[in-house]
Amino acid sequence: MKSHRTLNQFIDEQITKFEIPDTEQNQKRLRAKFMRVLKELNFWDNAETRIVGKSKTKVFTQDQLLQLYLKVENYLIKHSTIDEDDLAKYISEATAAIQNYHDTLDKTPDELLKKEEEQKYEPPKISTKTLNHYMLKALFEVFYEPFDITQWNKDLAEYHFTDIEDIDTVNYYLVQKRLNDPISAYTKLRKEQ
């Protein structure tokens, strides 16, 4: 059985992913937009209804939510903190890298391909040296919250396991952006007490 998610869960995920301020107004705006698109796709009226907590709510399959995401990705980018020019430049460079990779594959021996495939099954992990470096750099214990190691490892795995054909996606861009600036991405300033 495919897993189902509510629209509210999907909205929360997109707010987090695109770093959209989590305000009531943004929640309502996204909900209205997503409902319109779900109705256009004929998913809203046909959605399964389940009891979540004490109320009935519509749930959607991963496939339906993926189709929704593809329709609203540009809308989410416009309402996010993503620099659209930077994203366009990144996608252009990633597309060139994909083409270069495909050109190289035509000339690559089978052994190199086999080695590359074997490497895909072992995701990289953050080394203790790297972690200590960033902890000291941020004066970790005094000024910052603990690092979000779980998210950092997820991002490293996403970066490692993503096929070359998929590096021109927004999700890959966000992962790469977080990995390039781990201090602001995986830790936060402590609140003054």
Protein backbone atom coordinates (compact mmCIF):
# COMPACT_ATOMS: atom_id res chain seq x y z
CA MET A 1 0.00 0.00 0.00
CA LYS A 2 1.34 3.41 -0.92
CA SER A 3 1.83 5.87 1.88
CA HIS A 4 -0.58 8.78 2.02
CA ARG A 5 -0.06 12.28 3.37
CA THR A 6 -2.38 15.12 4.20
CA LEU A 7 -2.25 18.46 2.44
CA ASN A 8 -1.15 20.11 5.70
CA GLN A 9 1.83 17.74 5.93
CA PHE A 10 2.77 18.54 2.34
CA ILE A 11 2.46 22.29 2.99
CA ASP A 12 4.70 22.04 6.08
CA GLU A 13 7.31 20.12 4.08
CA GLN A 14 7.36 22.74 1.32
CA ILE A 15 7.58 25.62 3.82
CA THR A 16 10.60 23.94 5.39
CA LYS A 17 12.20 22.92 2.11
CA PHE A 18 11.85 26.34 0.45
CA GLU A 19 12.48 28.29 3.68
CA ILE A 20 9.21 30.18 3.33
CA PRO A 21 8.29 32.05 6.53
CA ASP A 22 5.86 29.83 8.47
CA THR A 23 3.07 32.34 9.00
CA GLU A 24 -0.68 31.78 9.03
CA GLN A 25 -1.00 33.94 5.90
CA ASN A 26 1.55 31.84 3.99
CA GLN A 27 -0.14 28.63 5.17
CA LYS A 28 -3.50 29.90 3.84
CA ARG A 29 -1.97 31.14 0.58
CA LEU A 30 -0.23 27.83 -0.10
CA ARG A 31 -3.28 25.80 0.90
CA ALA A 32 -5.51 27.79 -1.50
CA LYS A 33 -3.00 27.43 -4.36
CA PHE A 34 -2.48 23.71 -3.74
CA MET A 35 -6.23 23.06 -3.50
CA ARG A 36 -6.79 24.84 -6.86
CA VAL A 37 -4.11 22.74 -8.52
CA LEU A 38 -5.39 19.51 -6.93
CA LYS A 39 -8.85 20.33 -8.29
CA GLU A 40 -7.37 21.02 -11.75
CA LEU A 41 -5.67 17.63 -11.59
CA ASN A 42 -8.97 16.02 -10.47
CA PHE A 43 -7.33 14.75 -7.29
CA TRP A 44 -9.27 16.82 -4.77
CA ASP A 45 -12.76 15.43 -5.33
CA ASN A 46 -11.47 11.86 -5.68
CA ALA A 47 -9.13 11.94 -2.65
CA GLU A 48 -9.51 9.39 0.09
CA THR A 49 -10.81 10.79 3.38
CA ARG A 50 -9.36 9.58 6.67
CA ILE A 51 -9.77 10.54 10.28
CA VAL A 52 -6.66 12.33 11.49
CA GLY A 53 -6.87 13.29 15.14
CA LYS A 54 -10.53 14.15 15.68
CA SER A 55 -11.34 15.45 12.22
CA LYS A 56 -11.74 14.06 8.71
CA THR A 57 -9.12 15.09 6.20
CA LYS A 58 -8.25 14.25 2.62
CA VAL A 59 -5.07 12.28 2.01
CA PHE A 60 -3.05 11.99 -1.18
CA THR A 61 -0.61 9.43 -2.56
CA GLN A 62 3.05 10.18 -3.15
CA ASP A 63 2.41 10.14 -6.90
CA GLN A 64 -0.38 12.71 -6.60
CA LEU A 65 1.76 14.95 -4.41
CA LEU A 66 4.65 14.64 -6.87
CA GLN A 67 2.37 15.80 -9.70
CA LEU A 68 1.19 18.66 -7.47
CA TYR A 69 4.78 19.59 -6.67
CA LEU A 70 5.74 19.68 -10.34
CA LYS A 71 2.85 22.07 -11.03
CA VAL A 72 3.64 24.43 -8.11
CA GLU A 73 7.44 24.35 -8.01
CA ASN A 74 7.82 27.74 -9.74
CA TYR A 75 5.19 29.25 -7.41
CA LEU A 76 7.13 27.96 -4.39
CA ILE A 77 10.39 29.36 -5.75
CA LYS A 78 8.82 32.81 -6.18
CA HIS A 79 7.64 32.80 -2.55
CA SER A 80 10.89 31.42 -1.14
CA THR A 81 14.21 32.99 -0.24
CA ILE A 82 15.86 31.37 -3.28
CA ASP A 83 17.64 33.81 -5.56
CA GLU A 84 16.04 33.03 -8.94
CA ASP A 85 19.05 34.29 -10.92
CA ASP A 86 21.39 32.14 -8.84
CA LEU A 87 19.09 29.13 -9.34
CA ALA A 88 18.92 29.72 -13.11
CA LYS A 89 22.72 29.97 -13.26
CA TYR A 90 23.04 26.77 -11.22
CA ILE A 91 20.57 24.86 -13.44
CA SER A 92 22.42 26.05 -16.55
CA GLU A 93 25.75 24.86 -15.12
CA ALA A 94 24.21 21.57 -13.96
CA THR A 95 22.69 20.96 -17.39
CA ALA A 96 26.13 21.54 -18.97
CA ALA A 97 27.66 19.12 -16.43
CA ILE A 98 25.02 16.51 -17.28
CA GLN A 99 25.80 16.88 -20.98
CA ASN A 100 29.52 16.66 -20.27
CA TYR A 101 28.92 13.53 -18.19
CA HIS A 102 26.96 11.90 -21.02
CA ASP A 103 29.70 12.82 -23.49
CA THR A 104 32.27 11.23 -21.16
CA LEU A 105 30.16 8.08 -20.77
CA ASP A 106 30.43 7.44 -24.48
CA LYS A 107 34.20 7.22 -24.05
CA THR A 108 34.35 5.57 -20.59
CA PRO A 109 35.45 1.93 -20.18
CA ASP A 110 33.12 -0.55 -18.47
CA GLU A 111 35.42 -0.84 -15.44
CA LEU A 112 35.02 2.84 -14.61
CA LEU A 113 31.24 2.55 -14.84
CA LYS A 114 31.28 -0.52 -12.58
CA LYS A 115 33.42 1.30 -9.99
CA GLU A 116 31.08 4.29 -10.08
CA GLU A 117 28.03 2.04 -9.54
CA GLU A 118 29.72 0.34 -6.56
CA GLN A 119 30.44 3.71 -4.96
CA LYS A 120 26.78 4.72 -5.17
CA TYR A 121 25.83 2.11 -2.57
CA GLU A 122 27.95 3.60 0.20
CA PRO A 123 26.85 7.11 1.21
CA PRO A 124 29.47 9.45 2.62
CA LYS A 125 29.42 10.29 6.31
CA ILE A 126 30.62 13.43 8.04
CA SER A 127 34.08 12.85 9.46
CA THR A 128 34.81 13.72 13.06
CA LYS A 129 37.52 16.09 11.88
CA THR A 130 35.05 17.99 9.68
CA LEU A 131 32.48 18.15 12.44
CA ASN A 132 35.04 19.42 14.98
CA HIS A 133 36.25 22.03 12.53
CA TYR A 134 32.80 23.53 12.12
CA MET A 135 31.98 23.25 15.82
CA LEU A 136 35.06 25.26 16.70
CA LYS A 137 34.50 27.71 13.87
CA ALA A 138 31.06 28.56 15.19
CA LEU A 139 32.23 28.70 18.80
CA PHE A 140 29.70 26.00 19.06
CA GLU A 141 29.14 25.60 22.79
CA VAL A 142 28.75 29.29 23.52
CA PHE A 143 26.79 30.78 20.65
CA TYR A 144 25.06 28.01 18.69
CA GLU A 145 22.51 25.23 19.06
CA PRO A 146 23.74 21.67 18.37
CA PHE A 147 24.25 20.74 14.74
CA ASP A 148 21.41 18.95 13.00
CA ILE A 149 23.49 15.87 12.14
CA THR A 150 20.46 13.96 10.85
CA GLN A 151 19.67 16.60 8.21
CA TRP A 152 23.33 17.00 7.35
CA ASN A 153 23.70 13.26 6.73
CA LYS A 154 20.46 13.21 4.70
CA ASP A 155 21.83 16.05 2.55
CA LEU A 156 25.15 14.25 2.09
CA ALA A 157 23.33 11.07 1.06
CA GLU A 158 21.07 13.03 -1.33
CA TYR A 159 24.14 14.72 -2.82
CA HIS A 160 25.93 11.40 -3.19
CA PHE A 161 23.06 9.28 -4.51
CA THR A 162 21.54 11.77 -6.95
CA ASP A 163 22.01 10.70 -10.55
CA ILE A 164 23.80 13.14 -12.80
CA GLU A 165 20.57 13.61 -14.76
CA ASP A 166 18.84 14.97 -11.65
CA ILE A 167 21.35 17.59 -10.51
CA ASP A 168 19.39 20.35 -12.22
CA THR A 169 16.49 20.14 -9.76
CA VAL A 170 15.54 22.66 -7.09
CA ASN A 171 15.90 20.04 -4.36
CA TYR A 172 19.49 19.26 -5.39
CA TYR A 173 20.23 22.99 -5.55
CA LEU A 174 18.94 23.47 -1.97
CA VAL A 175 20.95 20.48 -0.72
CA GLN A 176 24.10 21.81 -2.37
CA LYS A 177 23.47 25.28 -0.96
CA ARG A 178 23.11 23.86 2.59
CA LEU A 179 26.25 21.75 2.19
CA ASN A 180 28.23 24.78 1.02
CA ASP A 181 27.27 26.74 4.17
CA PRO A 182 26.81 24.17 6.95
CA ILE A 183 26.97 26.65 9.83
CA SER A 184 23.90 28.62 8.79
CA ALA A 185 22.13 25.51 7.42
CA TYR A 186 22.55 22.98 10.24
CA THR A 187 22.80 25.07 13.41
CA LYS A 188 21.20 28.20 14.83
CA LEU A 189 22.22 30.93 17.22
CA ARG A 190 21.25 30.23 20.79
CA LYS A 191 18.46 32.35 22.15
CA GLU A 192 19.66 34.72 24.85
CA GLN A 193 18.63 33.60 28.30
